[in-house]
Full PDB file with SEQRES, HELIX, SHEET, SSBOND, CRYST1, ORIGX, SCALE, CONECT and MASTER records, all heavy atoms in Angstrom:
SEQRES   1 A   39  ALA THR ALA ASP GLY SER LEU PRO GLY LEU LEU ASN LYS          
SEQRES   2 A   39  ILE ALA LYS ALA PRO VAL LEU VAL VAL ASP ASP TRP GLY          
SEQRES   3 A   39  MET ALA LYS ILE ASP GLU ARG GLN TYR ARG ASP PHE LEU          
HELIX    1 AA1 LEU A    7  LYS A   16  1                                  10    
HELIX    2 AA2 GLU A   32  PHE A   38  1                                   7    
CRYST1    1.000    1.000    1.000  90.00  90.00  90.00 P 1           1          
ORIGX1      1.000000  0.000000  0.000000        0.00000                         
ORIGX2      0.000000  1.000000  0.000000        0.00000                         
ORIGX3      0.000000  0.000000  1.000000        0.00000                         
SCALE1      1.000000  0.000000  0.000000        0.00000                         
SCALE2      0.000000  1.000000  0.000000        0.00000                         
SCALE3      0.000000  0.000000  1.000000        0.00000                         
ATOM      1  N   ALA A   1     257.479  -8.556  46.170  1.00  0.00           N  
ATOM      2  CA  ALA A   1     256.874  -8.107  44.919  1.00  0.00           C  
ATOM      3  C   ALA A   1     255.898  -6.956  45.153  1.00  0.00           C  
ATOM      4  O   ALA A   1     255.777  -6.057  44.320  1.00  0.00           O  
ATOM      5  CB  ALA A   1     256.165  -9.268  44.238  1.00  0.00           C  
ATOM      6  N   THR A   2     255.209  -6.984  46.294  1.00  0.00           N  
ATOM      7  CA  THR A   2     254.309  -5.878  46.637  1.00  0.00           C  
ATOM      8  C   THR A   2     255.099  -4.590  46.824  1.00  0.00           C  
ATOM      9  O   THR A   2     254.690  -3.517  46.375  1.00  0.00           O  
ATOM     10  CB  THR A   2     253.529  -6.198  47.926  1.00  0.00           C  
ATOM     11  OG1 THR A   2     252.725  -7.362  47.724  1.00  0.00           O  
ATOM     12  CG2 THR A   2     252.621  -5.043  48.326  1.00  0.00           C  
ATOM     13  N   ALA A   3     256.267  -4.719  47.463  1.00  0.00           N  
ATOM     14  CA  ALA A   3     257.092  -3.547  47.755  1.00  0.00           C  
ATOM     15  C   ALA A   3     257.733  -2.953  46.499  1.00  0.00           C  
ATOM     16  O   ALA A   3     257.835  -1.722  46.372  1.00  0.00           O  
ATOM     17  CB  ALA A   3     258.170  -3.903  48.770  1.00  0.00           C  
ATOM     18  N   ASP A   4     258.174  -3.817  45.572  1.00  0.00           N  
ATOM     19  CA  ASP A   4     258.893  -3.284  44.406  1.00  0.00           C  
ATOM     20  C   ASP A   4     258.009  -3.121  43.164  1.00  0.00           C  
ATOM     21  O   ASP A   4     258.484  -2.761  42.088  1.00  0.00           O  
ATOM     22  CB  ASP A   4     260.113  -4.150  44.076  1.00  0.00           C  
ATOM     23  CG  ASP A   4     259.767  -5.570  43.633  1.00  0.00           C  
ATOM     24  OD1 ASP A   4     258.604  -5.817  43.254  1.00  0.00           O  
ATOM     25  OD2 ASP A   4     260.657  -6.443  43.666  1.00  0.00           O  
ATOM     26  N   GLY A   5     256.708  -3.385  43.312  1.00  0.00           N  
ATOM     27  CA  GLY A   5     255.788  -3.157  42.207  1.00  0.00           C  
ATOM     28  C   GLY A   5     255.675  -4.282  41.198  1.00  0.00           C  
ATOM     29  O   GLY A   5     254.999  -4.128  40.173  1.00  0.00           O  
ATOM     30  N   SER A   6     256.314  -5.415  41.484  1.00  0.00           N  
ATOM     31  CA  SER A   6     256.294  -6.518  40.519  1.00  0.00           C  
ATOM     32  C   SER A   6     255.231  -7.568  40.831  1.00  0.00           C  
ATOM     33  O   SER A   6     255.223  -8.643  40.229  1.00  0.00           O  
ATOM     34  CB  SER A   6     257.673  -7.201  40.474  1.00  0.00           C  
ATOM     35  OG  SER A   6     258.006  -7.765  41.740  1.00  0.00           O  
ATOM     36  N   LEU A   7     254.322  -7.256  41.774  1.00  0.00           N  
ATOM     37  CA  LEU A   7     253.325  -8.247  42.187  1.00  0.00           C  
ATOM     38  C   LEU A   7     252.438  -8.735  41.040  1.00  0.00           C  
ATOM     39  O   LEU A   7     252.224  -9.941  40.914  1.00  0.00           O  
ATOM     40  CB  LEU A   7     252.462  -7.690  43.321  1.00  0.00           C  
ATOM     41  CG  LEU A   7     251.409  -8.658  43.891  1.00  0.00           C  
ATOM     42  CD1 LEU A   7     252.069  -9.886  44.488  1.00  0.00           C  
ATOM     43  CD2 LEU A   7     250.540  -7.948  44.931  1.00  0.00           C  
ATOM     44  N   PRO A   8     251.893  -7.844  40.197  1.00  0.00           N  
ATOM     45  CA  PRO A   8     251.042  -8.339  39.098  1.00  0.00           C  
ATOM     46  C   PRO A   8     251.749  -9.372  38.224  1.00  0.00           C  
ATOM     47  O   PRO A   8     251.146 -10.375  37.818  1.00  0.00           O  
ATOM     48  CB  PRO A   8     250.692  -7.076  38.324  1.00  0.00           C  
ATOM     49  CG  PRO A   8     250.768  -5.981  39.337  1.00  0.00           C  
ATOM     50  CD  PRO A   8     251.926  -6.369  40.222  1.00  0.00           C  
ATOM     51  N   GLY A   9     253.030  -9.131  37.926  1.00  0.00           N  
ATOM     52  CA  GLY A   9     253.784 -10.067  37.096  1.00  0.00           C  
ATOM     53  C   GLY A   9     253.979 -11.408  37.779  1.00  0.00           C  
ATOM     54  O   GLY A   9     253.858 -12.463  37.145  1.00  0.00           O  
ATOM     55  N   LEU A  10     254.269 -11.378  39.094  1.00  0.00           N  
ATOM     56  CA  LEU A  10     254.459 -12.616  39.843  1.00  0.00           C  
ATOM     57  C   LEU A  10     253.154 -13.407  39.909  1.00  0.00           C  
ATOM     58  O   LEU A  10     253.140 -14.624  39.696  1.00  0.00           O  
ATOM     59  CB  LEU A  10     254.968 -12.315  41.247  1.00  0.00           C  
ATOM     60  CG  LEU A  10     255.138 -13.521  42.179  1.00  0.00           C  
ATOM     61  CD1 LEU A  10     256.135 -14.518  41.600  1.00  0.00           C  
ATOM     62  CD2 LEU A  10     255.580 -13.070  43.573  1.00  0.00           C  
ATOM     63  N   LEU A  11     252.055 -12.717  40.202  1.00  0.00           N  
ATOM     64  CA  LEU A  11     250.761 -13.392  40.284  1.00  0.00           C  
ATOM     65  C   LEU A  11     250.387 -14.002  38.939  1.00  0.00           C  
ATOM     66  O   LEU A  11     249.847 -15.112  38.873  1.00  0.00           O  
ATOM     67  CB  LEU A  11     249.677 -12.412  40.738  1.00  0.00           C  
ATOM     68  CG  LEU A  11     249.796 -11.866  42.162  1.00  0.00           C  
ATOM     69  CD1 LEU A  11     248.674 -10.881  42.442  1.00  0.00           C  
ATOM     70  CD2 LEU A  11     249.775 -12.989  43.190  1.00  0.00           C  
ATOM     71  N   ASN A  12     250.669 -13.289  37.868  1.00  0.00           N  
ATOM     72  CA  ASN A  12     250.358 -13.786  36.529  1.00  0.00           C  
ATOM     73  C   ASN A  12     251.187 -15.025  36.203  1.00  0.00           C  
ATOM     74  O   ASN A  12     250.677 -15.999  35.626  1.00  0.00           O  
ATOM     75  CB  ASN A  12     250.618 -12.694  35.493  1.00  0.00           C  
ATOM     76  CG  ASN A  12     250.180 -13.106  34.098  1.00  0.00           C  
ATOM     77  OD1 ASN A  12     249.029 -13.472  33.875  1.00  0.00           O  
ATOM     78  ND2 ASN A  12     251.103 -13.030  33.154  1.00  0.00           N  
ATOM     79  N   LYS A  13     252.470 -14.998  36.579  1.00  0.00           N  
ATOM     80  CA  LYS A  13     253.352 -16.136  36.335  1.00  0.00           C  
ATOM     81  C   LYS A  13     252.855 -17.379  37.071  1.00  0.00           C  
ATOM     82  O   LYS A  13     252.801 -18.479  36.507  1.00  0.00           O  
ATOM     83  CB  LYS A  13     254.776 -15.796  36.796  1.00  0.00           C  
ATOM     84  CG  LYS A  13     255.758 -16.967  36.730  1.00  0.00           C  
ATOM     85  CD  LYS A  13     257.112 -16.575  37.294  1.00  0.00           C  
ATOM     86  CE  LYS A  13     258.072 -17.756  37.330  1.00  0.00           C  
ATOM     87  NZ  LYS A  13     259.392 -17.363  37.920  1.00  0.00           N  
ATOM     88  N   ILE A  14     252.468 -17.201  38.336  1.00  0.00           N  
ATOM     89  CA  ILE A  14     251.997 -18.329  39.134  1.00  0.00           C  
ATOM     90  C   ILE A  14     250.656 -18.833  38.603  1.00  0.00           C  
ATOM     91  O   ILE A  14     250.426 -20.050  38.524  1.00  0.00           O  
ATOM     92  CB  ILE A  14     251.870 -17.924  40.613  1.00  0.00           C  
ATOM     93  CG1 ILE A  14     253.256 -17.573  41.178  1.00  0.00           C  
ATOM     94  CG2 ILE A  14     251.249 -19.047  41.436  1.00  0.00           C  
ATOM     95  CD1 ILE A  14     253.220 -17.015  42.590  1.00  0.00           C  
ATOM     96  N   ALA A  15     249.788 -17.909  38.231  1.00  0.00           N  
ATOM     97  CA  ALA A  15     248.454 -18.292  37.761  1.00  0.00           C  
ATOM     98  C   ALA A  15     248.519 -19.126  36.489  1.00  0.00           C  
ATOM     99  O   ALA A  15     247.694 -20.015  36.273  1.00  0.00           O  
ATOM    100  CB  ALA A  15     247.600 -17.049  37.536  1.00  0.00           C  
ATOM    101  N   LYS A  16     249.512 -18.855  35.636  1.00  0.00           N  
ATOM    102  CA  LYS A  16     249.597 -19.526  34.341  1.00  0.00           C  
ATOM    103  C   LYS A  16     250.304 -20.876  34.392  1.00  0.00           C  
ATOM    104  O   LYS A  16     250.277 -21.613  33.403  1.00  0.00           O  
ATOM    105  CB  LYS A  16     250.306 -18.613  33.332  1.00  0.00           C  
ATOM    106  CG  LYS A  16     249.469 -17.420  32.895  1.00  0.00           C  
ATOM    107  CD  LYS A  16     250.182 -16.622  31.826  1.00  0.00           C  
ATOM    108  CE  LYS A  16     249.291 -15.487  31.303  1.00  0.00           C  
ATOM    109  NZ  LYS A  16     249.975 -14.685  30.254  1.00  0.00           N  
ATOM    110  N   ALA A  17     250.943 -21.216  35.501  1.00  0.00           N  
ATOM    111  CA  ALA A  17     251.645 -22.498  35.596  1.00  0.00           C  
ATOM    112  C   ALA A  17     250.629 -23.644  35.610  1.00  0.00           C  
ATOM    113  O   ALA A  17     249.731 -23.656  36.452  1.00  0.00           O  
ATOM    114  CB  ALA A  17     252.504 -22.545  36.856  1.00  0.00           C  
ATOM    115  N   PRO A  18     250.732 -24.608  34.693  1.00  0.00           N  
ATOM    116  CA  PRO A  18     249.794 -25.735  34.693  1.00  0.00           C  
ATOM    117  C   PRO A  18     249.784 -26.499  36.011  1.00  0.00           C  
ATOM    118  O   PRO A  18     248.740 -26.963  36.468  1.00  0.00           O  
ATOM    119  CB  PRO A  18     250.300 -26.613  33.543  1.00  0.00           C  
ATOM    120  CG  PRO A  18     250.996 -25.652  32.620  1.00  0.00           C  
ATOM    121  CD  PRO A  18     251.653 -24.657  33.535  1.00  0.00           C  
ATOM    122  N   VAL A  19     250.973 -26.616  36.639  1.00  0.00           N  
ATOM    123  CA  VAL A  19     251.076 -27.292  37.937  1.00  0.00           C  
ATOM    124  C   VAL A  19     251.830 -26.386  38.903  1.00  0.00           C  
ATOM    125  O   VAL A  19     252.927 -25.913  38.598  1.00  0.00           O  
ATOM    126  CB  VAL A  19     251.817 -28.643  37.816  1.00  0.00           C  
ATOM    127  CG1 VAL A  19     251.973 -29.294  39.196  1.00  0.00           C  
ATOM    128  CG2 VAL A  19     251.069 -29.585  36.880  1.00  0.00           C  
ATOM    129  N   LEU A  20     251.238 -26.125  40.043  1.00  0.00           N  
ATOM    130  CA  LEU A  20     251.873 -25.329  41.099  1.00  0.00           C  
ATOM    131  C   LEU A  20     252.008 -26.193  42.338  1.00  0.00           C  
ATOM    132  O   LEU A  20     251.032 -26.782  42.805  1.00  0.00           O  
ATOM    133  CB  LEU A  20     251.027 -24.096  41.422  1.00  0.00           C  
ATOM    134  CG  LEU A  20     251.449 -23.287  42.662  1.00  0.00           C  
ATOM    135  CD1 LEU A  20     252.813 -22.628  42.426  1.00  0.00           C  
ATOM    136  CD2 LEU A  20     250.397 -22.242  43.012  1.00  0.00           C  
ATOM    137  N   VAL A  21     253.226 -26.274  42.872  1.00  0.00           N  
ATOM    138  CA  VAL A  21     253.470 -27.001  44.117  1.00  0.00           C  
ATOM    139  C   VAL A  21     253.742 -25.989  45.223  1.00  0.00           C  
ATOM    140  O   VAL A  21     254.647 -25.158  45.098  1.00  0.00           O  
ATOM    141  CB  VAL A  21     254.668 -27.962  43.993  1.00  0.00           C  
ATOM    142  CG1 VAL A  21     254.923 -28.687  45.327  1.00  0.00           C  
ATOM    143  CG2 VAL A  21     254.424 -28.987  42.887  1.00  0.00           C  
ATOM    144  N   VAL A  22     252.953 -26.034  46.281  1.00  0.00           N  
ATOM    145  CA  VAL A  22     253.164 -25.195  47.466  1.00  0.00           C  
ATOM    146  C   VAL A  22     253.497 -26.143  48.616  1.00  0.00           C  
ATOM    147  O   VAL A  22     252.627 -26.862  49.103  1.00  0.00           O  
ATOM    148  CB  VAL A  22     251.926 -24.343  47.796  1.00  0.00           C  
ATOM    149  CG1 VAL A  22     252.196 -23.481  49.029  1.00  0.00           C  
ATOM    150  CG2 VAL A  22     251.561 -23.460  46.611  1.00  0.00           C  
ATOM    151  N   ASP A  23     254.750 -26.134  49.016  1.00  0.00           N  
ATOM    152  CA  ASP A  23     255.265 -27.113  49.977  1.00  0.00           C  
ATOM    153  C   ASP A  23     255.306 -26.546  51.397  1.00  0.00           C  
ATOM    154  O   ASP A  23     255.759 -25.427  51.611  1.00  0.00           O  
ATOM    155  CB  ASP A  23     256.671 -27.526  49.538  1.00  0.00           C  
ATOM    156  CG  ASP A  23     257.178 -28.767  50.253  1.00  0.00           C  
ATOM    157  OD1 ASP A  23     256.355 -29.505  50.832  1.00  0.00           O  
ATOM    158  OD2 ASP A  23     258.399 -28.995  50.216  1.00  0.00           O  
ATOM    159  N   ASP A  24     254.810 -27.313  52.348  1.00  0.00           N  
ATOM    160  CA  ASP A  24     254.835 -26.967  53.776  1.00  0.00           C  
ATOM    161  C   ASP A  24     253.921 -25.793  54.118  1.00  0.00           C  
ATOM    162  O   ASP A  24     254.303 -24.870  54.845  1.00  0.00           O  
ATOM    163  CB  ASP A  24     256.257 -26.674  54.254  1.00  0.00           C  
ATOM    164  CG  ASP A  24     256.861 -27.883  54.962  1.00  0.00           C  
ATOM    165  OD1 ASP A  24     256.108 -28.805  55.308  1.00  0.00           O  
ATOM    166  OD2 ASP A  24     258.088 -27.893  55.173  1.00  0.00           O  
ATOM    167  N   TRP A  25     252.701 -25.821  53.619  1.00  0.00           N  
ATOM    168  CA  TRP A  25     251.695 -24.819  53.982  1.00  0.00           C  
ATOM    169  C   TRP A  25     251.432 -24.876  55.488  1.00  0.00           C  
ATOM    170  O   TRP A  25     251.342 -25.954  56.071  1.00  0.00           O  
ATOM    171  CB  TRP A  25     250.401 -25.079  53.220  1.00  0.00           C  
ATOM    172  CG  TRP A  25     249.187 -24.441  53.826  1.00  0.00           C  
ATOM    173  CD1 TRP A  25     248.247 -25.043  54.613  1.00  0.00           C  
ATOM    174  CD2 TRP A  25     248.793 -23.066  53.721  1.00  0.00           C  
ATOM    175  NE1 TRP A  25     247.294 -24.127  54.996  1.00  0.00           N  
ATOM    176  CE2 TRP A  25     247.601 -22.913  54.460  1.00  0.00           C  
ATOM    177  CE3 TRP A  25     249.328 -21.961  53.074  1.00  0.00           C  
ATOM    178  CZ2 TRP A  25     246.929 -21.702  54.572  1.00  0.00           C  
ATOM    179  CZ3 TRP A  25     248.669 -20.749  53.180  1.00  0.00           C  
ATOM    180  CH2 TRP A  25     247.487 -20.627  53.912  1.00  0.00           C  
ATOM    181  N   GLY A  26     251.313 -23.713  56.102  1.00  0.00           N  
ATOM    182  CA  GLY A  26     250.967 -23.624  57.517  1.00  0.00           C  
ATOM    183  C   GLY A  26     252.149 -23.598  58.459  1.00  0.00           C  
ATOM    184  O   GLY A  26     251.958 -23.492  59.672  1.00  0.00           O  
ATOM    185  N   MET A  27     253.376 -23.671  57.922  1.00  0.00           N  
ATOM    186  CA  MET A  27     254.554 -23.690  58.790  1.00  0.00           C  
ATOM    187  C   MET A  27     254.818 -22.326  59.416  1.00  0.00           C  
ATOM    188  O   MET A  27     255.434 -22.230  60.467  1.00  0.00           O  
ATOM    189  CB  MET A  27     255.782 -24.146  58.001  1.00  0.00           C  
ATOM    190  CG  MET A  27     255.778 -25.635  57.697  1.00  0.00           C  
ATOM    191  SD  MET A  27     255.782 -26.626  59.209  1.00  0.00           S  
ATOM    192  CE  MET A  27     257.395 -26.220  59.860  1.00  0.00           C  
ATOM    193  N   ALA A  28     254.394 -21.276  58.764  1.00  0.00           N  
ATOM    194  CA  ALA A  28     254.620 -19.930  59.296  1.00  0.00           C  
ATOM    195  C   ALA A  28     253.344 -19.118  59.163  1.00  0.00           C  
ATOM    196  O   ALA A  28     252.586 -19.277  58.199  1.00  0.00           O  
ATOM    197  CB  ALA A  28     255.765 -19.244  58.532  1.00  0.00           C  
ATOM    198  N   LYS A  29     253.080 -18.256  60.139  1.00  0.00           N  
ATOM    199  CA  LYS A  29     251.924 -17.385  60.084  1.00  0.00           C  
ATOM    200  C   LYS A  29     252.106 -16.372  58.954  1.00  0.00           C  
ATOM    201  O   LYS A  29     253.215 -15.928  58.670  1.00  0.00           O  
ATOM    202  CB  LYS A  29     251.744 -16.640  61.405  1.00  0.00           C  
ATOM    203  CG  LYS A  29     251.383 -17.545  62.578  1.00  0.00           C  
ATOM    204  CD  LYS A  29     249.965 -18.079  62.452  1.00  0.00           C  
ATOM    205  CE  LYS A  29     249.577 -18.886  63.681  1.00  0.00           C  
ATOM    206  NZ  LYS A  29     248.191 -19.432  63.569  1.00  0.00           N  
ATOM    207  N   ILE A  30     251.014 -16.022  58.315  1.00  0.00           N  
ATOM    208  CA  ILE A  30     251.067 -15.041  57.237  1.00  0.00           C  
ATOM    209  C   ILE A  30     250.154 -13.873  57.581  1.00  0.00           C  
ATOM    210  O   ILE A  30     249.214 -14.026  58.370  1.00  0.00           O  
ATOM    211  CB  ILE A  30     250.656 -15.656  55.887  1.00  0.00           C  
ATOM    212  CG1 ILE A  30     249.241 -16.262  55.978  1.00  0.00           C  
ATOM    213  CG2 ILE A  30     251.661 -16.710  55.457  1.00  0.00           C  
ATOM    214  CD1 ILE A  30     248.735 -16.827  54.665  1.00  0.00           C  
ATOM    215  N   ASP A  31     250.463 -12.701  57.002  1.00  0.00           N  
ATOM    216  CA  ASP A  31     249.625 -11.554  57.308  1.00  0.00           C  
ATOM    217  C   ASP A  31     248.436 -11.511  56.349  1.00  0.00           C  
ATOM    218  O   ASP A  31     248.325 -12.319  55.419  1.00  0.00           O  
ATOM    219  CB  ASP A  31     250.421 -10.253  57.266  1.00  0.00           C  
ATOM    220  CG  ASP A  31     251.014  -9.943  55.893  1.00  0.00           C  
ATOM    221  OD1 ASP A  31     250.385 -10.298  54.862  1.00  0.00           O  
ATOM    222  OD2 ASP A  31     252.104  -9.339  55.842  1.00  0.00           O  
ATOM    223  N   GLU A  32     247.544 -10.567  56.596  1.00  0.00           N  
ATOM    224  CA  GLU A  32     246.297 -10.524  55.837  1.00  0.00           C  
ATOM    225  C   GLU A  32     246.534 -10.291  54.359  1.00  0.00           C  
ATOM    226  O   GLU A  32     245.881 -10.899  53.507  1.00  0.00           O  
ATOM    227  CB  GLU A  32     245.385  -9.434  56.406  1.00  0.00           C  
ATOM    228  CG  GLU A  32     244.020  -9.380  55.743  1.00  0.00           C  
ATOM    229  CD  GLU A  32     243.097  -8.360  56.396  1.00  0.00           C  
ATOM    230  OE1 GLU A  32     243.478  -7.799  57.441  1.00  0.00           O  
ATOM    231  OE2 GLU A  32     242.010  -8.136  55.849  1.00  0.00           O  
ATOM    232  N   ARG A  33     247.470  -9.395  54.035  1.00  0.00           N  
ATOM    233  CA  ARG A  33     247.736  -9.107  52.625  1.00  0.00           C  
ATOM    234  C   ARG A  33     248.278 -10.347  51.912  1.00  0.00           C  
ATOM    235  O   ARG A  33     247.886 -10.652  50.782  1.00  0.00           O  
ATOM    236  CB  ARG A  33     248.727  -7.948  52.502  1.00  0.00           C  
ATOM    237  CG  ARG A  33     249.089  -7.588  51.063  1.00  0.00           C  
ATOM    238  CD  ARG A  33     247.844  -7.211  50.275  1.00  0.00           C  
ATOM    239  NE  ARG A  33     248.117  -7.040  48.863  1.00  0.00           N  
ATOM    240  CZ  ARG A  33     248.335  -5.872  48.288  1.00  0.00           C  
ATOM    241  NH1 ARG A  33     248.354  -4.764  49.008  1.00  0.00           N  
ATOM    242  NH2 ARG A  33     248.537  -5.792  46.995  1.00  0.00           N  
ATOM    243  N   GLN A  34     249.195 -11.082  52.557  1.00  0.00           N  
ATOM    244  CA  GLN A  34     249.738 -12.294  51.960  1.00  0.00           C  
ATOM    245  C   GLN A  34     248.641 -13.326  51.725  1.00  0.00           C  
ATOM    246  O   GLN A  34     248.605 -13.995  50.689  1.00  0.00           O  
ATOM    247  CB  GLN A  34     250.828 -12.877  52.853  1.00  0.00           C  
ATOM    248  CG  GLN A  34     252.089 -12.047  52.924  1.00  0.00           C  
ATOM    249  CD  GLN A  34     253.040 -12.533  54.004  1.00  0.00           C  
ATOM    250  OE1 GLN A  34     252.617 -12.998  55.064  1.00  0.00           O  
ATOM    251  NE2 GLN A  34     254.325 -12.450  53.745  1.00  0.00           N  
ATOM    252  N   TYR A  35     247.744 -13.435  52.693  1.00  0.00           N  
ATOM    253  CA  TYR A  35     246.649 -14.389  52.554  1.00  0.00           C  
ATOM    254  C   TYR A  35     245.735 -14.007  51.397  1.00  0.00           C  
ATOM    255  O   TYR A  35     245.323 -14.858  50.603  1.00  0.00           O  
ATOM    256  CB  TYR A  35     245.839 -14.472  53.849  1.00  0.00           C  
ATOM    257  CG  TYR A  35     244.594 -15.301  53.688  1.00  0.00           C  
ATOM    258  CD1 TYR A  35     244.686 -16.683  53.497  1.00  0.00           C  
ATOM    259  CD2 TYR A  35     243.340 -14.705  53.680  1.00  0.00           C  
ATOM    260  CE1 TYR A  35     243.548 -17.449  53.317  1.00  0.00           C  
ATOM    261  CE2 TYR A  35     242.199 -15.474  53.496  1.00  0.00           C  
ATOM    262  CZ  TYR A  35     242.311 -16.848  53.324  1.00  0.00           C  
ATOM    263  OH  TYR A  35     241.179 -17.595  53.132  1.00  0.00           O  
ATOM    264  N   ARG A  36     245.428 -12.717  51.270  1.00  0.00           N  
ATOM    265  CA  ARG A  36     244.565 -12.274  50.178  1.00  0.00           C  
ATOM    266  C   ARG A  36     245.224 -12.543  48.822  1.00  0.00           C  
ATOM    267  O   ARG A  36     244.563 -12.956  47.864  1.00  0.00           O  
ATOM    268  CB  ARG A  36     244.254 -10.782  50.308  1.00  0.00           C  
ATOM    269  CG  ARG A  36     243.528 -10.403  51.577  1.00  0.00           C  
ATOM    270  CD  ARG A  36     242.163 -11.021  51.641  1.00  0.00           C  
ATOM    271  NE  ARG A  36     241.430 -10.553  52.794  1.00  0.00           N  
ATOM    272  CZ  ARG A  36     240.518 -11.250  53.443  1.00  0.00           C  
ATOM    273  NH1 ARG A  36     240.222 -12.461  53.039  1.00  0.00           N  
ATOM    274  NH2 ARG A  36     239.891 -10.760  54.490  1.00  0.00           N  
ATOM    275  N   ASP A  37     246.532 -12.294  48.733  1.00  0.00           N  
ATOM    276  CA  ASP A  37     247.240 -12.561  47.485  1.00  0.00           C  
ATOM    277  C   ASP A  37     247.219 -14.055  47.159  1.00  0.00           C  
ATOM    278  O   ASP A  37     247.042 -14.455  46.005  1.00  0.00           O  
ATOM    279  CB  ASP A  37     248.693 -12.071  47.571  1.00  0.00           C  
ATOM    280  CG  ASP A  37     248.801 -10.558  47.557  1.00  0.00           C  
ATOM    281  OD1 ASP A  37     247.859  -9.897  47.066  1.00  0.00           O  
ATOM    282  OD2 ASP A  37     249.819 -10.028  48.055  1.00  0.00           O  
ATOM    283  N   PHE A  38     247.402 -14.881  48.194  1.00  0.00           N  
ATOM    284  CA  PHE A  38     247.383 -16.329  47.983  1.00  0.00           C  
ATOM    285  C   PHE A  38     245.991 -16.787  47.557  1.00  0.00           C  
ATOM    286  O   PHE A  38     245.837 -17.648  46.674  1.00  0.00           O  
ATOM    287  CB  PHE A  38     247.818 -17.053  49.256  1.00  0.00           C  
ATOM    288  CG  PHE A  38     247.984 -18.538  49.082  1.00  0.00           C  
ATOM    289  CD1 PHE A  38     248.869 -19.042  48.143  1.00  0.00           C  
ATOM    290  CD2 PHE A  38     247.267 -19.426  49.868  1.00  0.00           C  
ATOM    291  CE1 PHE A  38     249.029 -20.417  47.969  1.00  0.00           C  
ATOM    292  CE2 PHE A  38     247.424 -20.799  49.709  1.00  0.00           C  
ATOM    293  CZ  PHE A  38     248.299 -21.285  48.761  1.00  0.00           C  
ATOM    294  N   LEU A  39     244.965 -16.198  48.159  1.00  0.00           N  
ATOM    295  CA  LEU A  39     243.589 -16.511  47.773  1.00  0.00           C  
ATOM    296  C   LEU A  39     243.347 -16.133  46.324  1.00  0.00           C  
ATOM    297  O   LEU A  39     242.663 -16.857  45.575  1.00  0.00           O  
ATOM    298  CB  LEU A  39     242.615 -15.766  48.683  1.00  0.00           C  
ATOM    299  CG  LEU A  39     241.140 -16.159  48.584  1.00  0.00           C  
ATOM    300  CD1 LEU A  39     240.930 -17.599  49.009  1.00  0.00           C  
ATOM    301  CD2 LEU A  39     240.285 -15.242  49.453  1.00  0.00           C  
TER     302      LEU A  39                                                      
MASTER        0    0    0    2    0    0    0    6  301    1    0    3          
END                                                                             
């Protein structure tokens, strides 16, 4: 989404979900930008 310019829309979609499930956190290393977006 960062590469194709759709990141704001994706972040907005995730932010508005009443329930968000993130499964298997920590299984793979993430880069700084991914971490900031997740934060």
